[in-house]
């Protein structure tokens, strides 16, 4: 037979678990989104840096520069797919139009 205090203890445990689950579920979502945005921005900035380095070391029309242009394009595309915006490293701002120039470093 279940005693009254055991039933109250089980109910308290259940309610505490439900509250904890709710807090973790809703509390973690904004941080994940913020981390995704930050990661996207860093990915584009890194690709921009790598392209500039390749141009400086190997020349504007080198195989290395071409590869880094492709990497930059991929980083911008990924941001666009995931967030419908992309990071403009030159202007240091988010852009909401898919209007980047694939040949802006040629």
N, C-alpha and C. Protein backbone atom coordinates (compact mmCIF):
# COMPACT_ATOMS: atom_id res chain seq x y z
N UNK A 1 0.82 -1.16 0.00
CA UNK A 1 0.00 0.00 0.00
C UNK A 1 0.88 1.25 0.00
N UNK A 2 0.53 2.21 -0.83
CA UNK A 2 1.30 3.45 -0.94
C UNK A 2 0.83 4.41 0.14
N UNK A 3 1.80 4.95 0.85
CA UNK A 3 1.47 5.91 1.89
C UNK A 3 1.39 7.31 1.31
N UNK A 4 0.68 8.13 2.04
CA UNK A 4 0.44 9.49 1.59
C UNK A 4 1.76 10.26 1.38
N UNK A 5 2.73 10.14 2.26
CA UNK A 5 3.98 10.88 2.12
C UNK A 5 4.79 10.36 0.93
N UNK A 6 4.67 9.08 0.60
CA UNK A 6 5.37 8.54 -0.57
C UNK A 6 4.75 9.11 -1.85
N UNK A 7 3.45 9.24 -1.87
CA UNK A 7 2.75 9.80 -3.02
C UNK A 7 3.11 11.27 -3.19
N UNK A 8 3.18 12.01 -2.11
CA UNK A 8 3.55 13.43 -2.17
C UNK A 8 4.99 13.58 -2.64
N UNK A 9 5.86 12.70 -2.16
CA UNK A 9 7.26 12.74 -2.56
C UNK A 9 7.40 12.43 -4.05
N UNK A 10 6.67 11.47 -4.55
CA UNK A 10 6.71 11.13 -5.97
C UNK A 10 6.18 12.28 -6.82
N UNK A 11 5.12 12.92 -6.37
CA UNK A 11 4.55 14.05 -7.11
C UNK A 11 5.53 15.21 -7.14
N UNK A 12 6.19 15.48 -6.02
CA UNK A 12 7.18 16.56 -5.96
C UNK A 12 8.34 16.26 -6.90
N UNK A 13 8.79 15.03 -6.92
CA UNK A 13 9.89 14.64 -7.82
C UNK A 13 9.47 14.80 -9.27
N UNK A 14 8.27 14.40 -9.61
CA UNK A 14 7.78 14.52 -10.98
C UNK A 14 7.70 15.99 -11.40
N UNK A 15 7.13 16.83 -10.56
CA UNK A 15 6.98 18.26 -10.87
C UNK A 15 8.36 18.90 -11.00
N UNK A 16 9.28 18.58 -10.11
CA UNK A 16 10.64 19.12 -10.18
C UNK A 16 11.32 18.71 -11.48
N UNK A 17 11.15 17.46 -11.86
CA UNK A 17 11.73 16.97 -13.12
C UNK A 17 11.14 17.68 -14.33
N UNK A 18 9.82 17.90 -14.30
CA UNK A 18 9.16 18.59 -15.41
C UNK A 18 9.65 20.03 -15.52
N UNK A 19 9.81 20.70 -14.40
CA UNK A 19 10.30 22.08 -14.41
C UNK A 19 11.73 22.12 -14.92
N UNK A 20 12.57 21.23 -14.44
CA UNK A 20 13.97 21.19 -14.88
C UNK A 20 14.05 20.92 -16.39
N UNK A 21 13.26 19.99 -16.87
CA UNK A 21 13.26 19.69 -18.30
C UNK A 21 12.83 20.90 -19.12
N UNK A 22 11.81 21.60 -18.68
CA UNK A 22 11.33 22.79 -19.37
C UNK A 22 12.39 23.88 -19.40
N UNK A 23 13.03 24.12 -18.27
CA UNK A 23 14.07 25.14 -18.19
C UNK A 23 15.24 24.79 -19.11
N UNK A 24 15.66 23.55 -19.08
CA UNK A 24 16.77 23.13 -19.94
C UNK A 24 16.41 23.22 -21.42
N UNK A 25 15.21 22.82 -21.76
CA UNK A 25 14.79 22.84 -23.16
C UNK A 25 14.71 24.26 -23.70
N UNK A 26 14.01 25.13 -22.98
CA UNK A 26 13.83 26.49 -23.47
C UNK A 26 15.05 27.37 -23.18
N UNK A 27 15.77 27.08 -22.16
CA UNK A 27 16.95 27.86 -21.83
C UNK A 27 18.11 27.59 -22.76
N UNK A 28 18.24 26.39 -23.28
CA UNK A 28 19.36 26.04 -24.15
C UNK A 28 19.15 26.52 -25.59
N UNK A 29 17.94 26.66 -26.02
CA UNK A 29 17.67 27.01 -27.41
C UNK A 29 18.29 28.34 -27.83
N UNK A 30 18.13 29.43 -27.07
CA UNK A 30 18.73 30.69 -27.50
C UNK A 30 20.25 30.64 -27.56
N UNK A 31 20.88 29.94 -26.63
CA UNK A 31 22.33 29.84 -26.64
C UNK A 31 22.82 29.08 -27.86
N UNK A 32 22.15 28.01 -28.22
CA UNK A 32 22.55 27.26 -29.41
C UNK A 32 22.45 28.16 -30.63
N UNK A 33 21.38 28.92 -30.73
CA UNK A 33 21.20 29.82 -31.87
C UNK A 33 22.31 30.88 -31.89
N UNK A 34 22.60 31.44 -30.75
CA UNK A 34 23.66 32.45 -30.67
C UNK A 34 25.01 31.86 -31.05
N UNK A 35 25.27 30.64 -30.63
CA UNK A 35 26.52 29.98 -30.99
C UNK A 35 26.59 29.72 -32.49
N UNK A 36 25.46 29.35 -33.10
CA UNK A 36 25.43 29.14 -34.55
C UNK A 36 25.75 30.42 -35.30
N UNK A 37 25.17 31.52 -34.84
CA UNK A 37 25.41 32.81 -35.49
C UNK A 37 26.87 33.19 -35.36
N UNK A 38 27.43 33.06 -34.17
CA UNK A 38 28.83 33.39 -33.93
C UNK A 38 29.73 32.49 -34.77
N UNK A 39 29.39 31.20 -34.85
CA UNK A 39 30.20 30.27 -35.64
C UNK A 39 30.15 30.63 -37.12
N UNK A 40 29.02 31.01 -37.60
CA UNK A 40 28.87 31.41 -38.99
C UNK A 40 29.73 32.64 -39.29
N UNK A 41 29.66 33.61 -38.42
CA UNK A 41 30.44 34.83 -38.59
C UNK A 41 31.94 34.51 -38.60
N UNK A 42 32.37 33.67 -37.66
CA UNK A 42 33.80 33.31 -37.60
C UNK A 42 34.23 32.52 -38.83
N UNK A 43 33.35 31.65 -39.32
CA UNK A 43 33.67 30.86 -40.50
C UNK A 43 33.91 31.75 -41.72
N UNK A 44 33.05 32.74 -41.93
CA UNK A 44 33.20 33.66 -43.06
C UNK A 44 34.44 34.52 -42.87
N UNK A 45 34.65 35.03 -41.67
CA UNK A 45 35.83 35.87 -41.41
C UNK A 45 37.11 35.07 -41.65
N UNK A 46 37.12 33.82 -41.23
CA UNK A 46 38.29 32.98 -41.44
C UNK A 46 38.53 32.74 -42.93
N UNK A 47 37.46 32.46 -43.66
CA UNK A 47 37.59 32.22 -45.11
C UNK A 47 38.10 33.49 -45.81
N UNK A 48 37.61 34.65 -45.39
CA UNK A 48 38.10 35.92 -45.95
C UNK A 48 39.59 36.07 -45.69
N UNK A 49 40.00 35.79 -44.46
CA UNK A 49 41.41 35.91 -44.09
C UNK A 49 42.28 34.97 -44.93
N UNK A 50 41.83 33.73 -45.05
CA UNK A 50 42.58 32.74 -45.82
C UNK A 50 42.71 33.17 -47.29
N UNK A 51 41.66 33.74 -47.84
CA UNK A 51 41.71 34.21 -49.22
C UNK A 51 42.72 35.34 -49.36
N UNK A 52 42.68 36.28 -48.46
CA UNK A 52 43.63 37.40 -48.52
C UNK A 52 45.07 36.90 -48.39
N UNK A 53 45.28 35.94 -47.51
CA UNK A 53 46.62 35.35 -47.35
C UNK A 53 47.08 34.66 -48.64
N UNK A 54 46.18 33.90 -49.26
CA UNK A 54 46.53 33.19 -50.50
C UNK A 54 46.85 34.17 -51.62
N UNK A 55 46.08 35.24 -51.73
CA UNK A 55 46.34 36.25 -52.76
C UNK A 55 47.69 36.91 -52.51
N UNK A 56 47.96 37.24 -51.26
CA UNK A 56 49.21 37.90 -50.92
C UNK A 56 50.42 37.00 -51.18
N UNK A 57 50.32 35.72 -50.84
CA UNK A 57 51.45 34.80 -50.98
C UNK A 57 51.62 34.24 -52.38
N UNK A 58 50.50 33.96 -53.06
CA UNK A 58 50.57 33.20 -54.31
C UNK A 58 50.05 33.96 -55.53
N UNK A 59 49.42 35.10 -55.30
CA UNK A 59 48.90 35.86 -56.42
C UNK A 59 47.41 35.71 -56.58
N UNK A 60 46.80 36.73 -57.14
CA UNK A 60 45.35 36.82 -57.31
C UNK A 60 44.78 35.69 -58.17
N UNK A 61 45.53 35.23 -59.15
CA UNK A 61 45.02 34.21 -60.07
C UNK A 61 45.57 32.83 -59.79
N UNK A 62 46.15 32.63 -58.61
CA UNK A 62 46.75 31.34 -58.28
C UNK A 62 45.70 30.27 -57.97
N UNK A 63 46.16 29.04 -58.01
CA UNK A 63 45.30 27.91 -57.65
C UNK A 63 44.86 28.05 -56.19
N UNK A 64 45.78 28.47 -55.33
CA UNK A 64 45.46 28.62 -53.91
C UNK A 64 44.38 29.68 -53.69
N UNK A 65 44.50 30.80 -54.38
CA UNK A 65 43.49 31.86 -54.25
C UNK A 65 42.14 31.37 -54.78
N UNK A 66 42.16 30.64 -55.85
CA UNK A 66 40.92 30.09 -56.40
C UNK A 66 40.25 29.15 -55.40
N UNK A 67 41.06 28.33 -54.77
CA UNK A 67 40.54 27.41 -53.75
C UNK A 67 39.92 28.18 -52.59
N UNK A 68 40.59 29.22 -52.13
CA UNK A 68 40.09 30.01 -51.00
C UNK A 68 38.84 30.80 -51.38
N UNK A 69 38.73 31.24 -52.64
CA UNK A 69 37.49 31.88 -53.10
C UNK A 69 36.32 30.90 -52.99
N UNK A 70 36.59 29.67 -53.38
CA UNK A 70 35.57 28.63 -53.29
C UNK A 70 35.17 28.40 -51.82
N UNK A 71 36.15 28.37 -50.92
CA UNK A 71 35.86 28.19 -49.49
C UNK A 71 35.03 29.35 -48.94
N UNK A 72 35.35 30.56 -49.37
CA UNK A 72 34.58 31.73 -48.94
C UNK A 72 33.14 31.63 -49.45
N UNK A 73 32.99 31.24 -50.70
CA UNK A 73 31.66 31.06 -51.28
C UNK A 73 30.87 30.02 -50.49
N UNK A 74 31.51 28.92 -50.13
CA UNK A 74 30.84 27.87 -49.35
C UNK A 74 30.43 28.38 -47.98
N UNK A 75 31.29 29.17 -47.33
CA UNK A 75 30.96 29.71 -46.01
C UNK A 75 29.76 30.64 -46.10
N UNK A 76 29.74 31.49 -47.10
CA UNK A 76 28.60 32.40 -47.27
C UNK A 76 27.32 31.62 -47.57
N UNK A 77 27.42 30.63 -48.44
CA UNK A 77 26.26 29.80 -48.79
C UNK A 77 25.71 29.09 -47.56
N UNK A 78 26.60 28.57 -46.73
CA UNK A 78 26.15 27.86 -45.54
C UNK A 78 25.40 28.80 -44.60
N UNK A 79 25.95 30.00 -44.40
CA UNK A 79 25.24 30.98 -43.57
C UNK A 79 23.86 31.27 -44.15
N UNK A 80 23.82 31.43 -45.45
CA UNK A 80 22.55 31.74 -46.10
C UNK A 80 21.56 30.60 -45.92
N UNK A 81 22.01 29.38 -46.11
CA UNK A 81 21.13 28.21 -45.93
C UNK A 81 20.61 28.11 -44.51
N UNK A 82 21.49 28.33 -43.55
CA UNK A 82 21.12 28.13 -42.15
C UNK A 82 20.37 29.31 -41.54
N UNK A 83 20.68 30.54 -41.98
CA UNK A 83 20.13 31.70 -41.29
C UNK A 83 19.48 32.72 -42.22
N UNK A 84 19.53 32.50 -43.50
CA UNK A 84 18.99 33.44 -44.50
C UNK A 84 19.62 34.83 -44.36
N UNK A 85 20.89 34.82 -44.05
CA UNK A 85 21.70 36.02 -44.03
C UNK A 85 23.17 35.61 -44.06
N UNK A 86 24.03 36.54 -44.34
CA UNK A 86 25.46 36.22 -44.41
C UNK A 86 26.27 37.36 -43.84
N UNK A 87 27.47 37.05 -43.37
CA UNK A 87 28.33 38.02 -42.74
C UNK A 87 29.20 38.70 -43.79
N UNK A 88 29.15 40.03 -43.83
CA UNK A 88 29.99 40.81 -44.72
C UNK A 88 31.20 41.27 -43.89
N UNK A 89 32.31 40.61 -44.08
CA UNK A 89 33.50 40.90 -43.30
C UNK A 89 34.06 42.29 -43.59
N UNK A 90 33.91 42.77 -44.80
CA UNK A 90 34.43 44.09 -45.16
C UNK A 90 33.67 45.21 -44.47
N UNK A 91 32.36 45.06 -44.38
CA UNK A 91 31.54 46.08 -43.73
C UNK A 91 31.23 45.76 -42.27
N UNK A 92 31.65 44.60 -41.82
CA UNK A 92 31.42 44.13 -40.45
C UNK A 92 29.95 44.21 -40.06
N UNK A 93 29.13 43.59 -40.90
CA UNK A 93 27.69 43.57 -40.61
C UNK A 93 27.03 42.38 -41.30
N UNK A 94 25.88 42.01 -40.80
CA UNK A 94 25.08 40.96 -41.41
C UNK A 94 24.32 41.54 -42.59
N UNK A 95 24.21 40.76 -43.64
CA UNK A 95 23.45 41.17 -44.83
C UNK A 95 22.29 40.20 -44.99
N UNK A 96 21.11 40.74 -45.27
CA UNK A 96 19.92 39.90 -45.38
C UNK A 96 19.50 39.64 -46.83
N UNK A 97 20.26 40.18 -47.77
CA UNK A 97 20.02 39.88 -49.18
C UNK A 97 21.14 38.98 -49.68
N UNK A 98 20.77 38.04 -50.52
CA UNK A 98 21.78 37.13 -51.07
C UNK A 98 22.46 37.85 -52.24
N UNK A 99 23.24 38.87 -51.90
CA UNK A 99 23.77 39.75 -52.94
C UNK A 99 25.29 39.82 -52.95
N UNK A 100 25.95 38.81 -52.41
CA UNK A 100 27.39 38.86 -52.44
C UNK A 100 27.90 38.63 -53.86
N UNK A 101 29.05 39.18 -54.12
CA UNK A 101 29.67 39.05 -55.43
C UNK A 101 30.69 37.93 -55.37
N UNK A 102 30.45 36.88 -56.11
CA UNK A 102 31.36 35.73 -56.09
C UNK A 102 32.74 36.08 -56.61
N UNK A 103 32.86 37.19 -57.29
CA UNK A 103 34.15 37.61 -57.87
C UNK A 103 34.67 38.88 -57.21
N UNK A 104 34.25 39.14 -55.97
CA UNK A 104 34.64 40.39 -55.31
C UNK A 104 36.12 40.44 -54.92
N UNK A 105 36.83 39.33 -55.06
CA UNK A 105 38.25 39.32 -54.75
C UNK A 105 39.10 39.00 -55.98
N UNK A 106 38.51 39.10 -57.16
CA UNK A 106 39.26 38.80 -58.39
C UNK A 106 40.17 39.94 -58.76
